[in-house]
Amino acid sequence: MKSLIYIYCILLSFLYACSDLNYNYDIDTNYYDISKRLDDKDSSLTQNEIDTLILYLENENKDSLLEIISNKTALYYYDDNAELYINYIKKSASVVSKSNNKFKYANLIQNIAFVYDEKLTEYDEAINYCLKAIKIWQEINDTLNIANMQKYLGYLYGKVREFEKAKYSIIHSISLYESKKNEKGIAVSYFDFALVYYEEGLIDSALFYLKNAKHIWNKYDEKSRIFLINNHILRCYFEDKNNPEYIQCKNENNNILKSNSIYKKHIDDFHDILDE
């Protein structure tokens, strides 16, 4: 009997110890502390601190807080560690997938595709997540987002040199934009069509679609879009820098820079093209 009481006391002590362990980790306090440090880009914050919080949030089924902290952590790592960004966005997407918010879910999935493309140049993975996003947009009949991702899918197929798939996807996107009378969507599709033809080495076709896209953006006076298109037209003429169109695009971009805010990367690309 005494031995049974002894065993019972040991077990009770163990349970109290576990209870103390959970009690000592104050989820709310740690959540607000880590959330603020993520917002402040606190470099002393460790991945272990974040993952410990995430583990407790998962165990306590605090999905709304888990989604928020996962998104914030992804943004925290976005600039310096694309793999970790993807890991935490996947965690957020996993939480959102349990809800009926397919709009949010599709956006998270396509963000994964964007990072595989832009940060890691892992185009096969980008295509995989792009296709997943398209499927979700189709489930909720979101025509414009289907068109956006079909256009993007075409660009990605061009990167892996699957040119027929690329063209089919972009033609599909154009037909969807036309069904919604979305001229700007058609313009961005023409631009991606041009990139595919450029990858394929068909420069005349690339120039045709670049000029068609530029014609539309000129109607809307979209200087940043025009600047970017001019960069690609300049690339097409890099072996003929005396061509009147090369000179015209170069001068136009120099004038745009005088009075418009342009993405730094596009400005750097412009100067690199001129130096080639």
Foldseek 3Di string as FASTA:
>chain_A
DVVVVVVVVVVVVVVVVVVVVVVVDDLVVLLVVLLVCLVVLPVVDDPVSLVVSLVVCVVVVVLVSNLSSLCSVLVSCVPPHLVSNLVSLVSNLVSCVVDPPLVVNLVSLQVNLVCCCPPVVVLVVSLVSLVVSLVSCVVVVVLLVNLVSLLVNLLSCLVVPVNVSSVVSLVVSLVSCVVVVNVLSNLVSLQSNLNSCVSVVNLVSSVVSLVVSLVSCVVVVPLQSLLQSLLVNLVSCLVPCVPPSNVVSLVSNVVCVVPHDYDPVSVVSSVVSVVD
